[in-house]
Amino acid sequence: MTSSLRDTPRIVIAGASSLLGAELRAMLEESRFAAADVRLLDEELVAGTLTEAGGAAAVIQPVEEGSFHRASVVFFSGSANFTVANLTAARAGGATVIDLSGATLTHSECVTWFPNLDGLLARNFAKSGKLFAIPTAAATSAASLTLALAKLAATRVTFVIFQPVSEAGRPGVEELESQTGQLLSFQGVGQPVFDTQVAFNLLDRFGPESLQKLSTSRQRLAAETKACVREAAAMPALQVIHAPVFYGTAFAACAEIAGAGAEPIAQACHDAGLLMAPDGTGPSNVSVAGEKYIHLARPEKDLAQARMWWFWGAADNMRLPAANAVKLAEMLA
């Protein structure tokens, strides 16, 4: 029995109380790591929370000495500050670190990864890597489409990302839910998370007292997109807008492409791993719920500018990065 337990791979989810942490737990149970010893860690504030892992009750533990002992893979799915505080300890035992928090992009040995990125960059898979960054669904979408269109010599690529409140975690989801009910009941709305009305409202910034900043989301989007695109394409222009929805990242993009029709553009997107919808249909934040891939509507030519093409897409902002992280762990195992 002791030998069997010692041979069981140990997986650590650091930031287990987050929405991404919960998605990772669910994805691991459907993967080749279903029988692994999964340890759930998080900050002191949420330590002791009762949750579920592998069909059994589990308690989220605080990070202590030895928390990462014998770990083969450590997923960071909490805040960037939490990752920074615990990265050295996680790496000390030789574990492979897969970061979903955006905190490790500046590390020289960090490899940014999603399933089609190696092919888009014409690089070899970093099998021996020990530190990986998984970009958000927004950055994965922006990088995938930018690199796909670079094959067609696209210029002036611009993205507008519509960000759901789940990017602010459970408190963000709960605030949108409560505000929606309050407004429908003609009550004043509570604003402890966003310091402004987010229900039934599109915004380019939250209230001045909010700890959630769309400017921070833009900065992370730009950093992750740049880490993916590298020198293979020019950086696109990027904007992030709050959308009054719970889950699912949607985006609109526009690019100048000379000398290419709809079919070559659609084929380039398909080759980049973007799932193309049939003519006359398009994805939404609702239709992509539970999906592991980025869905894209057929490209449409601008009515006024002959070389300009419009794109509309969506991805599950929790399932996509979690699925990419688990797939990476399986490839490295």
C-alpha atoms as a PDB file:
ATOM      1  CA  MET A   1       0.000   0.000   0.000  1.00  0.00           C
ATOM      2  CA  THR A   2       2.800   2.425   0.886  1.00  0.00           C
ATOM      3  CA  SER A   3       4.595   1.728  -2.377  1.00  0.00           C
ATOM      4  CA  SER A   4       1.379   2.206  -4.348  1.00  0.00           C
ATOM      5  CA  LEU A   5       0.725   5.572  -2.715  1.00  0.00           C
ATOM      6  CA  ARG A   6       4.295   6.671  -3.333  1.00  0.00           C
ATOM      7  CA  ASP A   7       3.933   5.821  -7.038  1.00  0.00           C
ATOM      8  CA  THR A   8       0.669   7.769  -7.403  1.00  0.00           C
ATOM      9  CA  PRO A   9       1.323  11.098  -9.150  1.00  0.00           C
ATOM     10  CA  ARG A  10       0.683  14.109  -6.941  1.00  0.00           C
ATOM     11  CA  ILE A  11      -1.020  17.114  -8.486  1.00  0.00           C
ATOM     12  CA  VAL A  12      -1.306  20.429  -6.648  1.00  0.00           C
ATOM     13  CA  ILE A  13      -3.881  23.073  -7.494  1.00  0.00           C
ATOM     14  CA  ALA A  14      -2.696  26.285  -5.866  1.00  0.00           C
ATOM     15  CA  GLY A  15      -5.616  28.687  -5.957  1.00  0.00           C
ATOM     16  CA  ALA A  16      -8.153  25.876  -5.654  1.00  0.00           C
ATOM     17  CA  SER A  17     -11.019  28.048  -4.412  1.00  0.00           C
ATOM     18  CA  SER A  18     -11.098  30.117  -7.606  1.00  0.00           C
ATOM     19  CA  LEU A  19     -13.463  29.448 -10.485  1.00  0.00           C
ATOM     20  CA  LEU A  20     -10.478  28.315 -12.547  1.00  0.00           C
ATOM     21  CA  GLY A  21      -9.394  26.039  -9.713  1.00  0.00           C
ATOM     22  CA  ALA A  22     -12.819  24.402  -9.657  1.00  0.00           C
ATOM     23  CA  GLU A  23     -12.706  23.959 -13.439  1.00  0.00           C
ATOM     24  CA  LEU A  24      -9.260  22.400 -13.199  1.00  0.00           C
ATOM     25  CA  ARG A  25     -10.505  19.902 -10.606  1.00  0.00           C
ATOM     26  CA  ALA A  26     -13.331  18.878 -12.910  1.00  0.00           C
ATOM     27  CA  MET A  27     -11.045  18.575 -15.933  1.00  0.00           C
ATOM     28  CA  LEU A  28      -8.479  16.497 -14.032  1.00  0.00           C
ATOM     29  CA  GLU A  29     -11.191  14.028 -13.062  1.00  0.00           C
ATOM     30  CA  GLU A  30     -11.880  13.483 -16.783  1.00  0.00           C
ATOM     31  CA  SER A  31      -8.198  13.145 -17.698  1.00  0.00           C
ATOM     32  CA  ARG A  32      -5.448  10.563 -17.349  1.00  0.00           C
ATOM     33  CA  PHE A  33      -4.821  12.081 -13.897  1.00  0.00           C
ATOM     34  CA  ALA A  34      -8.198  10.899 -12.572  1.00  0.00           C
ATOM     35  CA  ALA A  35      -6.468   8.598 -10.074  1.00  0.00           C
ATOM     36  CA  ALA A  36      -3.830  11.149  -9.029  1.00  0.00           C
ATOM     37  CA  ASP A  37      -3.363  12.438  -5.496  1.00  0.00           C
ATOM     38  CA  VAL A  38      -4.785  15.964  -5.917  1.00  0.00           C
ATOM     39  CA  ARG A  39      -3.922  18.508  -3.240  1.00  0.00           C
ATOM     40  CA  LEU A  40      -5.932  21.728  -2.958  1.00  0.00           C
ATOM     41  CA  LEU A  41      -4.148  24.832  -1.685  1.00  0.00           C
ATOM     42  CA  ASP A  42      -5.086  28.475  -1.401  1.00  0.00           C
ATOM     43  CA  GLU A  43      -4.630  31.642   0.631  1.00  0.00           C
ATOM     44  CA  GLU A  44      -5.233  31.682   4.385  1.00  0.00           C
ATOM     45  CA  LEU A  45      -8.509  33.564   3.946  1.00  0.00           C
ATOM     46  CA  VAL A  46     -10.200  30.594   2.219  1.00  0.00           C
ATOM     47  CA  ALA A  47      -8.226  27.757   3.811  1.00  0.00           C
ATOM     48  CA  GLY A  48     -10.514  25.234   5.479  1.00  0.00           C
ATOM     49  CA  THR A  49     -13.203  25.557   2.827  1.00  0.00           C
ATOM     50  CA  LEU A  50     -14.933  22.248   2.224  1.00  0.00           C
ATOM     51  CA  THR A  51     -15.121  21.261  -1.436  1.00  0.00           C
ATOM     52  CA  GLU A  52     -15.098  18.133  -3.565  1.00  0.00           C
ATOM     53  CA  ALA A  53     -12.347  16.342  -5.465  1.00  0.00           C
ATOM     54  CA  GLY A  54     -12.523  12.975  -7.174  1.00  0.00           C
ATOM     55  CA  GLY A  55     -16.069  12.441  -5.961  1.00  0.00           C
ATOM     56  CA  ALA A  56     -15.081  12.789  -2.314  1.00  0.00           C
ATOM     57  CA  ALA A  57     -15.106  15.632   0.191  1.00  0.00           C
ATOM     58  CA  ALA A  58     -11.885  17.642   0.311  1.00  0.00           C
ATOM     59  CA  VAL A  59     -10.652  20.580   2.353  1.00  0.00           C
ATOM     60  CA  ILE A  60      -8.657  23.437   0.853  1.00  0.00           C
ATOM     61  CA  GLN A  61      -5.422  23.785   2.801  1.00  0.00           C
ATOM     62  CA  PRO A  62      -3.178  26.813   3.379  1.00  0.00           C
ATOM     63  CA  VAL A  63       0.324  26.765   1.938  1.00  0.00           C
ATOM     64  CA  GLU A  64       2.766  25.435   4.522  1.00  0.00           C
ATOM     65  CA  GLU A  65       6.236  23.953   4.561  1.00  0.00           C
ATOM     66  CA  GLY A  66       6.053  20.723   2.578  1.00  0.00           C
ATOM     67  CA  SER A  67       2.833  21.612   0.759  1.00  0.00           C
ATOM     68  CA  PHE A  68       4.489  20.998  -2.613  1.00  0.00           C
ATOM     69  CA  HIS A  69       6.460  17.914  -1.524  1.00  0.00           C
ATOM     70  CA  ARG A  70       6.497  15.149  -4.154  1.00  0.00           C
ATOM     71  CA  ALA A  71       4.314  17.183  -6.531  1.00  0.00           C
ATOM     72  CA  SER A  72       4.844  16.303 -10.176  1.00  0.00           C
ATOM     73  CA  VAL A  73       2.659  19.142 -11.483  1.00  0.00           C
ATOM     74  CA  VAL A  74       1.587  22.364  -9.788  1.00  0.00           C
ATOM     75  CA  PHE A  75      -1.212  24.420 -11.322  1.00  0.00           C
ATOM     76  CA  PHE A  76      -1.463  28.047 -10.202  1.00  0.00           C
ATOM     77  CA  SER A  77      -5.048  29.212 -10.701  1.00  0.00           C
ATOM     78  CA  GLY A  78      -5.395  31.987  -8.111  1.00  0.00           C
ATOM     79  CA  SER A  79      -4.216  35.582  -8.042  1.00  0.00           C
ATOM     80  CA  ALA A  80      -0.918  36.686  -9.556  1.00  0.00           C
ATOM     81  CA  ASN A  81       0.300  37.771  -6.104  1.00  0.00           C
ATOM     82  CA  PHE A  82      -0.418  34.313  -4.683  1.00  0.00           C
ATOM     83  CA  THR A  83       1.576  32.739  -7.523  1.00  0.00           C
ATOM     84  CA  VAL A  84       4.542  35.053  -6.984  1.00  0.00           C
ATOM     85  CA  ALA A  85       4.552  34.334  -3.251  1.00  0.00           C
ATOM     86  CA  ASN A  86       4.654  30.551  -3.732  1.00  0.00           C
ATOM     87  CA  LEU A  87       6.428  30.001  -7.038  1.00  0.00           C
ATOM     88  CA  THR A  88       9.860  29.348  -5.539  1.00  0.00           C
ATOM     89  CA  ALA A  89       8.520  26.739  -3.123  1.00  0.00           C
ATOM     90  CA  ALA A  90       6.545  25.048  -5.892  1.00  0.00           C
ATOM     91  CA  ARG A  91       9.604  24.772  -8.116  1.00  0.00           C
ATOM     92  CA  ALA A  92      12.019  23.711  -5.378  1.00  0.00           C
ATOM     93  CA  GLY A  93      11.017  20.057  -5.568  1.00  0.00           C
ATOM     94  CA  GLY A  94      11.339  19.844  -9.342  1.00  0.00           C
ATOM     95  CA  ALA A  95       7.620  20.014 -10.153  1.00  0.00           C
ATOM     96  CA  THR A  96       6.421  21.237 -13.512  1.00  0.00           C
ATOM     97  CA  VAL A  97       4.595  24.519 -12.943  1.00  0.00           C
ATOM     98  CA  ILE A  98       1.641  25.424 -15.146  1.00  0.00           C
ATOM     99  CA  ASP A  99       0.548  28.980 -14.427  1.00  0.00           C
ATOM    100  CA  LEU A 100      -2.914  30.285 -15.293  1.00  0.00           C
ATOM    101  CA  SER A 101      -2.565  33.495 -13.262  1.00  0.00           C
ATOM    102  CA  GLY A 102      -0.390  35.498 -15.660  1.00  0.00           C
ATOM    103  CA  ALA A 103       2.334  35.970 -13.044  1.00  0.00           C
ATOM    104  CA  THR A 104       5.217  34.129 -14.735  1.00  0.00           C
ATOM    105  CA  LEU A 105       5.314  35.730 -18.190  1.00  0.00           C
ATOM    106  CA  THR A 106       8.457  37.725 -17.396  1.00  0.00           C
ATOM    107  CA  HIS A 107      10.469  34.664 -16.332  1.00  0.00           C
ATOM    108  CA  SER A 108      13.123  33.966 -18.949  1.00  0.00           C
ATOM    109  CA  GLU A 109      12.496  30.206 -18.875  1.00  0.00           C
ATOM    110  CA  CYS A 110       8.704  30.487 -19.048  1.00  0.00           C
ATOM    111  CA  VAL A 111       7.051  28.991 -22.142  1.00  0.00           C
ATOM    112  CA  THR A 112       3.659  30.394 -23.117  1.00  0.00           C
ATOM    113  CA  TRP A 113       1.516  27.605 -24.528  1.00  0.00           C
ATOM    114  CA  PHE A 114      -1.827  26.634 -25.983  1.00  0.00           C
ATOM    115  CA  PRO A 115      -2.513  23.614 -28.214  1.00  0.00           C
ATOM    116  CA  ASN A 116      -1.943  25.182 -31.654  1.00  0.00           C
ATOM    117  CA  LEU A 117       0.741  27.688 -30.713  1.00  0.00           C
ATOM    118  CA  ASP A 118       3.739  25.480 -31.514  1.00  0.00           C
ATOM    119  CA  GLY A 119       2.487  24.976 -35.062  1.00  0.00           C
ATOM    120  CA  LEU A 120       1.619  28.645 -35.549  1.00  0.00           C
ATOM    121  CA  LEU A 121       5.126  29.659 -34.430  1.00  0.00           C
ATOM    122  CA  ALA A 122       6.820  26.741 -36.242  1.00  0.00           C
ATOM    123  CA  ARG A 123       8.601  25.750 -33.032  1.00  0.00           C
ATOM    124  CA  ASN A 124       9.135  22.421 -31.316  1.00  0.00           C
ATOM    125  CA  PHE A 125       7.116  21.449 -28.270  1.00  0.00           C
ATOM    126  CA  ALA A 126       9.073  22.251 -25.088  1.00  0.00           C
ATOM    127  CA  LYS A 127       8.966  18.716 -23.694  1.00  0.00           C
ATOM    128  CA  SER A 128      11.731  19.443 -21.193  1.00  0.00           C
ATOM    129  CA  GLY A 129      10.177  22.683 -19.963  1.00  0.00           C
ATOM    130  CA  LYS A 130       9.419  23.153 -16.282  1.00  0.00           C
ATOM    131  CA  LEU A 131       7.584  26.483 -16.280  1.00  0.00           C
ATOM    132  CA  PHE A 132       4.612  27.180 -18.550  1.00  0.00           C
ATOM    133  CA  ALA A 133       2.065  29.986 -18.802  1.00  0.00           C
ATOM    134  CA  ILE A 134      -1.457  29.291 -20.073  1.00  0.00           C
ATOM    135  CA  PRO A 135      -3.041  32.480 -21.456  1.00  0.00           C
ATOM    136  CA  THR A 136      -6.614  33.535 -20.798  1.00  0.00           C
ATOM    137  CA  ALA A 137      -9.324  32.737 -23.315  1.00  0.00           C
ATOM    138  CA  ALA A 138      -9.155  36.367 -24.489  1.00  0.00           C
ATOM    139  CA  ALA A 139      -5.399  36.268 -25.140  1.00  0.00           C
ATOM    140  CA  THR A 140      -5.586  32.808 -26.717  1.00  0.00           C
ATOM    141  CA  SER A 141      -8.274  34.110 -29.084  1.00  0.00           C
ATOM    142  CA  ALA A 142      -6.343  37.270 -29.957  1.00  0.00           C
ATOM    143  CA  ALA A 143      -3.071  35.424 -30.518  1.00  0.00           C
ATOM    144  CA  SER A 144      -4.657  32.599 -32.527  1.00  0.00           C
ATOM    145  CA  LEU A 145      -6.465  34.907 -34.924  1.00  0.00           C
ATOM    146  CA  THR A 146      -3.529  37.324 -35.222  1.00  0.00           C
ATOM    147  CA  LEU A 147      -1.120  34.509 -36.108  1.00  0.00           C
ATOM    148  CA  ALA A 148      -3.635  32.949 -38.501  1.00  0.00           C
ATOM    149  CA  LEU A 149      -4.107  36.232 -40.356  1.00  0.00           C
ATOM    150  CA  ALA A 150      -0.360  36.909 -40.409  1.00  0.00           C
ATOM    151  CA  LYS A 151      -0.121  34.039 -42.911  1.00  0.00           C
ATOM    152  CA  LEU A 152      -2.204  36.257 -45.227  1.00  0.00           C
ATOM    153  CA  ALA A 153      -0.071  39.366 -44.556  1.00  0.00           C
ATOM    154  CA  ALA A 154      -2.851  41.050 -42.592  1.00  0.00           C
ATOM    155  CA  THR A 155      -2.239  44.529 -41.220  1.00  0.00           C
ATOM    156  CA  ARG A 156      -4.062  46.836 -38.785  1.00  0.00           C
ATOM    157  CA  VAL A 157      -5.531  44.045 -36.686  1.00  0.00           C
ATOM    158  CA  THR A 158      -7.786  45.280 -33.870  1.00  0.00           C
ATOM    159  CA  PHE A 159      -9.638  43.393 -31.136  1.00  0.00           C
ATOM    160  CA  VAL A 160     -12.436  44.417 -28.799  1.00  0.00           C
ATOM    161  CA  ILE A 161     -12.807  41.843 -26.021  1.00  0.00           C
ATOM    162  CA  PHE A 162     -16.104  41.616 -24.122  1.00  0.00           C
ATOM    163  CA  GLN A 163     -15.206  40.454 -20.622  1.00  0.00           C
ATOM    164  CA  PRO A 164     -17.678  38.608 -18.346  1.00  0.00           C
ATOM    165  CA  VAL A 165     -17.911  39.258 -14.609  1.00  0.00           C
ATOM    166  CA  SER A 166     -16.564  35.775 -13.812  1.00  0.00           C
ATOM    167  CA  GLU A 167     -13.092  37.176 -14.519  1.00  0.00           C
ATOM    168  CA  ALA A 168     -13.524  38.795 -11.084  1.00  0.00           C
ATOM    169  CA  GLY A 169     -14.269  35.399  -9.541  1.00  0.00           C
ATOM    170  CA  ARG A 170     -17.292  34.330  -7.522  1.00  0.00           C
ATOM    171  CA  PRO A 171     -17.754  37.794  -5.944  1.00  0.00           C
ATOM    172  CA  GLY A 172     -18.136  39.255  -9.450  1.00  0.00           C
ATOM    173  CA  VAL A 173     -20.703  36.630 -10.421  1.00  0.00           C
ATOM    174  CA  GLU A 174     -22.642  37.182  -7.201  1.00  0.00           C
ATOM    175  CA  GLU A 175     -22.640  40.958  -7.656  1.00  0.00           C
ATOM    176  CA  LEU A 176     -24.048  40.774 -11.175  1.00  0.00           C
ATOM    177  CA  GLU A 177     -26.681  38.306  -9.972  1.00  0.00           C
ATOM    178  CA  SER A 178     -27.730  40.510  -7.055  1.00  0.00           C
ATOM    179  CA  GLN A 179     -27.712  43.705  -9.128  1.00  0.00           C
ATOM    180  CA  THR A 180     -29.874  42.083 -11.799  1.00  0.00           C
ATOM    181  CA  GLY A 181     -32.474  41.037  -9.230  1.00  0.00           C
ATOM    182  CA  GLN A 182     -32.384  44.405  -7.488  1.00  0.00           C
ATOM    183  CA  LEU A 183     -32.842  46.380 -10.702  1.00  0.00           C
ATOM    184  CA  LEU A 184     -35.711  44.175 -11.843  1.00  0.00           C
ATOM    185  CA  SER A 185     -37.316  44.834  -8.449  1.00  0.00           C
ATOM    186  CA  PHE A 186     -36.683  48.595  -8.794  1.00  0.00           C
ATOM    187  CA  GLN A 187     -34.245  48.600  -5.866  1.00  0.00           C
ATOM    188  CA  GLY A 188     -30.909  50.340  -5.496  1.00  0.00           C
ATOM    189  CA  VAL A 189     -27.960  48.153  -6.391  1.00  0.00           C
ATOM    190  CA  GLY A 190     -25.043  47.074  -4.208  1.00  0.00           C
ATOM    191  CA  GLN A 191     -21.602  47.750  -5.662  1.00  0.00           C
ATOM    192  CA  PRO A 192     -18.928  46.293  -3.334  1.00  0.00           C
ATOM    193  CA  VAL A 193     -16.951  44.561  -6.110  1.00  0.00           C
ATOM    194  CA  PHE A 194     -17.206  46.865  -9.127  1.00  0.00           C
ATOM    195  CA  ASP A 195     -18.191  50.185  -7.508  1.00  0.00           C
ATOM    196  CA  THR A 196     -20.651  50.768 -10.339  1.00  0.00           C
ATOM    197  CA  GLN A 197     -23.686  49.240 -12.009  1.00  0.00           C
ATOM    198  CA  VAL A 198     -22.538  46.251 -14.072  1.00  0.00           C
ATOM    199  CA  ALA A 199     -25.983  44.724 -14.697  1.00  0.00           C
ATOM    200  CA  PHE A 200     -27.557  45.758 -18.028  1.00  0.00           C
ATOM    201  CA  ASN A 201     -24.519  47.953 -18.672  1.00  0.00           C
ATOM    202  CA  LEU A 202     -21.499  48.062 -20.996  1.00  0.00           C
ATOM    203  CA  LEU A 203     -18.415  49.784 -19.555  1.00  0.00           C
ATOM    204  CA  ASP A 204     -14.833  50.604 -20.438  1.00  0.00           C
ATOM    205  CA  ARG A 205     -13.933  50.996 -16.734  1.00  0.00           C
ATOM    206  CA  PHE A 206     -15.315  50.176 -13.303  1.00  0.00           C
ATOM    207  CA  GLY A 207     -15.865  52.605 -10.435  1.00  0.00           C
ATOM    208  CA  PRO A 208     -12.842  54.391  -8.934  1.00  0.00           C
ATOM    209  CA  GLU A 209     -13.049  52.460  -5.646  1.00  0.00           C
ATOM    210  CA  SER A 210     -13.199  49.033  -7.301  1.00  0.00           C
ATOM    211  CA  LEU A 211     -10.255  46.671  -6.855  1.00  0.00           C
ATOM    212  CA  GLN A 212     -11.188  45.234 -10.247  1.00  0.00           C
ATOM    213  CA  LYS A 213      -9.644  47.254 -13.075  1.00  0.00           C
ATOM    214  CA  LEU A 214     -10.339  46.799 -16.763  1.00  0.00           C
ATOM    215  CA  SER A 215      -7.010  48.542 -17.357  1.00  0.00           C
ATOM    216  CA  THR A 216      -5.343  45.623 -15.540  1.00  0.00           C
ATOM    217  CA  SER A 217      -7.216  43.193 -17.784  1.00  0.00           C
ATOM    218  CA  ARG A 218      -5.939  45.092 -20.830  1.00  0.00           C
ATOM    219  CA  GLN A 219      -2.382  44.977 -19.544  1.00  0.00           C
ATOM    220  CA  ARG A 220      -2.538  41.247 -18.969  1.00  0.00           C
ATOM    221  CA  LEU A 221      -4.174  40.697 -22.364  1.00  0.00           C
ATOM    222  CA  ALA A 222      -1.410  42.661 -24.071  1.00  0.00           C
ATOM    223  CA  ALA A 223       1.370  40.870 -22.177  1.00  0.00           C
ATOM    224  CA  GLU A 224      -0.021  37.391 -22.878  1.00  0.00           C
ATOM    225  CA  THR A 225      -0.772  38.156 -26.526  1.00  0.00           C
ATOM    226  CA  LYS A 226       2.761  39.496 -27.023  1.00  0.00           C
ATOM    227  CA  ALA A 227       4.245  36.412 -25.352  1.00  0.00           C
ATOM    228  CA  CYS A 228       2.302  34.223 -27.799  1.00  0.00           C
ATOM    229  CA  VAL A 229       2.754  36.250 -30.995  1.00  0.00           C
ATOM    230  CA  ARG A 230       6.435  37.038 -30.402  1.00  0.00           C
ATOM    231  CA  GLU A 231       8.119  38.100 -33.669  1.00  0.00           C
ATOM    232  CA  ALA A 232       5.801  36.066 -35.899  1.00  0.00           C
ATOM    233  CA  ALA A 233       3.303  38.911 -36.340  1.00  0.00           C
ATOM    234  CA  ALA A 234       2.755  42.541 -35.456  1.00  0.00           C
ATOM    235  CA  MET A 235       0.917  43.119 -32.200  1.00  0.00           C
ATOM    236  CA  PRO A 236      -2.778  43.853 -32.643  1.00  0.00           C
ATOM    237  CA  ALA A 237      -4.556  46.786 -31.016  1.00  0.00           C
ATOM    238  CA  LEU A 238      -6.477  45.569 -27.974  1.00  0.00           C
ATOM    239  CA  GLN A 239      -9.443  46.869 -25.990  1.00  0.00           C
ATOM    240  CA  VAL A 240     -11.402  45.262 -23.148  1.00  0.00           C
ATOM    241  CA  ILE A 241     -15.050  46.131 -22.474  1.00  0.00           C
ATOM    242  CA  HIS A 242     -17.165  44.898 -19.571  1.00  0.00           C
ATOM    243  CA  ALA A 243     -20.135  42.856 -20.770  1.00  0.00           C
ATOM    244  CA  PRO A 244     -23.052  42.249 -18.350  1.00  0.00           C
ATOM    245  CA  VAL A 245     -22.841  38.450 -18.639  1.00  0.00           C
ATOM    246  CA  PHE A 246     -21.719  35.816 -16.162  1.00  0.00           C
ATOM    247  CA  TYR A 247     -19.475  33.572 -18.273  1.00  0.00           C
ATOM    248  CA  GLY A 248     -17.962  33.400 -21.734  1.00  0.00           C
ATOM    249  CA  THR A 249     -15.535  35.744 -23.477  1.00  0.00           C
ATOM    250  CA  ALA A 250     -16.708  37.185 -26.790  1.00  0.00           C
ATOM    251  CA  PHE A 251     -14.691  39.321 -29.171  1.00  0.00           C
ATOM    252  CA  ALA A 252     -14.967  41.389 -32.327  1.00  0.00           C
ATOM    253  CA  ALA A 253     -11.911  41.823 -34.523  1.00  0.00           C
ATOM    254  CA  CYS A 254     -11.133  43.776 -37.649  1.00  0.00           C
ATOM    255  CA  ALA A 255      -8.163  43.311 -39.985  1.00  0.00           C
ATOM    256  CA  GLU A 256      -6.928  44.753 -43.256  1.00  0.00           C
ATOM    257  CA  ILE A 257      -6.206  41.913 -45.674  1.00  0.00           C
ATOM    258  CA  ALA A 258      -5.304  42.613 -49.277  1.00  0.00           C
ATOM    259  CA  GLY A 259      -5.921  40.108 -52.056  1.00  0.00           C
ATOM    260  CA  ALA A 260      -7.695  37.361 -50.093  1.00  0.00           C
ATOM    261  CA  GLY A 261     -11.291  36.247 -50.207  1.00  0.00           C
ATOM    262  CA  ALA A 262     -13.533  34.780 -47.549  1.00  0.00           C
ATOM    263  CA  GLU A 263     -12.583  31.151 -48.210  1.00  0.00           C
ATOM    264  CA  PRO A 264      -8.785  31.543 -47.867  1.00  0.00           C
ATOM    265  CA  ILE A 265      -9.329  33.620 -44.725  1.00  0.00           C
ATOM    266  CA  ALA A 266     -11.680  31.020 -43.269  1.00  0.00           C
ATOM    267  CA  GLN A 267      -9.213  28.245 -44.111  1.00  0.00           C
ATOM    268  CA  ALA A 268      -6.360  30.102 -42.392  1.00  0.00           C
ATOM    269  CA  CYS A 269      -8.514  30.437 -39.283  1.00  0.00           C
ATOM    270  CA  HIS A 270      -9.452  26.756 -39.406  1.00  0.00           C
ATOM    271  CA  ASP A 271      -5.781  25.768 -39.761  1.00  0.00           C
ATOM    272  CA  ALA A 272      -5.046  27.813 -36.621  1.00  0.00           C
ATOM    273  CA  GLY A 273      -7.496  25.704 -34.606  1.00  0.00           C
ATOM    274  CA  LEU A 274     -10.429  28.123 -34.636  1.00  0.00           C
ATOM    275  CA  LEU A 275     -13.755  26.329 -35.112  1.00  0.00           C
ATOM    276  CA  MET A 276     -15.642  27.972 -37.950  1.00  0.00           C
ATOM    277  CA  ALA A 277     -19.434  28.189 -37.766  1.00  0.00           C
ATOM    278  CA  PRO A 278     -21.555  27.462 -40.841  1.00  0.00           C
ATOM    279  CA  ASP A 279     -22.708  30.359 -42.995  1.00  0.00           C
ATOM    280  CA  GLY A 280     -25.450  32.391 -41.379  1.00  0.00           C
ATOM    281  CA  THR A 281     -24.627  31.348 -37.828  1.00  0.00           C
ATOM    282  CA  GLY A 282     -22.230  32.576 -35.207  1.00  0.00           C
ATOM    283  CA  PRO A 283     -21.109  31.776 -31.669  1.00  0.00           C
ATOM    284  CA  SER A 284     -22.104  33.521 -28.461  1.00  0.00           C
ATOM    285  CA  ASN A 285     -20.977  33.412 -24.860  1.00  0.00           C
ATOM    286  CA  VAL A 286     -23.949  31.095 -24.233  1.00  0.00           C
ATOM    287  CA  SER A 287     -23.342  28.725 -27.148  1.00  0.00           C
ATOM    288  CA  VAL A 288     -19.698  28.103 -26.182  1.00  0.00           C
ATOM    289  CA  ALA A 289     -20.436  27.203 -22.546  1.00  0.00           C
ATOM    290  CA  GLY A 290     -18.584  24.000 -21.699  1.00  0.00           C
ATOM    291  CA  GLU A 291     -16.560  24.063 -24.942  1.00  0.00           C
ATOM    292  CA  LYS A 292     -12.776  23.598 -25.059  1.00  0.00           C
ATOM    293  CA  TYR A 293     -12.234  25.521 -28.282  1.00  0.00           C
ATOM    294  CA  ILE A 294     -12.550  29.027 -29.716  1.00  0.00           C
ATOM    295  CA  HIS A 295     -15.558  29.363 -32.010  1.00  0.00           C
ATOM    296  CA  LEU A 296     -15.582  31.843 -34.876  1.00  0.00           C
ATOM    297  CA  ALA A 297     -18.256  33.145 -37.251  1.00  0.00           C
ATOM    298  CA  ARG A 298     -17.500  33.284 -40.964  1.00  0.00           C
ATOM    299  CA  PRO A 299     -15.407  36.365 -41.833  1.00  0.00           C
ATOM    300  CA  GLU A 300     -17.356  39.268 -43.315  1.00  0.00           C
ATOM    301  CA  LYS A 301     -16.034  42.029 -45.557  1.00  0.00           C
ATOM    302  CA  ASP A 302     -16.576  45.588 -44.373  1.00  0.00           C
ATOM    303  CA  LEU A 303     -19.268  47.411 -46.360  1.00  0.00           C
ATOM    304  CA  ALA A 304     -17.223  50.596 -46.792  1.00  0.00           C
ATOM    305  CA  GLN A 305     -13.563  49.487 -46.816  1.00  0.00           C
ATOM    306  CA  ALA A 306     -12.797  46.799 -49.397  1.00  0.00           C
ATOM    307  CA  ARG A 307      -9.696  45.448 -47.642  1.00  0.00           C
ATOM    308  CA  MET A 308     -11.186  45.359 -44.152  1.00  0.00           C
ATOM    309  CA  TRP A 309     -12.621  42.123 -42.741  1.00  0.00           C
ATOM    310  CA  TRP A 310     -14.669  41.615 -39.580  1.00  0.00           C
ATOM    311  CA  PHE A 311     -14.530  38.619 -37.255  1.00  0.00           C
ATOM    312  CA  TRP A 312     -16.781  37.564 -34.392  1.00  0.00           C
ATOM    313  CA  GLY A 313     -15.846  34.842 -31.915  1.00  0.00           C
ATOM    314  CA  ALA A 314     -16.401  33.459 -28.437  1.00  0.00           C
ATOM    315  CA  ALA A 315     -14.841  31.019 -25.973  1.00  0.00           C
ATOM    316  CA  ASP A 316     -15.613  29.641 -22.529  1.00  0.00           C
ATOM    317  CA  ASN A 317     -13.361  31.775 -20.323  1.00  0.00           C
ATOM    318  CA  MET A 318     -13.017  29.050 -17.659  1.00  0.00           C
ATOM    319  CA  ARG A 319     -13.166  25.786 -19.602  1.00  0.00           C
ATOM    320  CA  LEU A 320     -10.734  26.835 -22.381  1.00  0.00           C
ATOM    321  CA  PRO A 321      -7.673  27.708 -20.218  1.00  0.00           C
ATOM    322  CA  ALA A 322      -8.368  24.838 -17.794  1.00  0.00           C
ATOM    323  CA  ALA A 323      -8.618  22.342 -20.658  1.00  0.00           C
ATOM    324  CA  ASN A 324      -5.424  23.712 -22.214  1.00  0.00           C
ATOM    325  CA  ALA A 325      -3.586  23.409 -18.893  1.00  0.00           C
ATOM    326  CA  VAL A 326      -4.670  19.794 -18.344  1.00  0.00           C
ATOM    327  CA  LYS A 327      -3.836  18.887 -21.958  1.00  0.00           C
ATOM    328  CA  LEU A 328      -0.358  20.336 -21.479  1.00  0.00           C
ATOM    329  CA  ALA A 329       0.141  18.314 -18.291  1.00  0.00           C
ATOM    330  CA  GLU A 330      -0.898  15.155 -20.141  1.00  0.00           C
ATOM    331  CA  MET A 331       1.568  15.881 -22.944  1.00  0.00           C
ATOM    332  CA  LEU A 332       4.389  16.397 -20.442  1.00  0.00           C
ATOM    333  CA  ALA A 333       3.606  13.271 -18.380  1.00  0.00           C
END
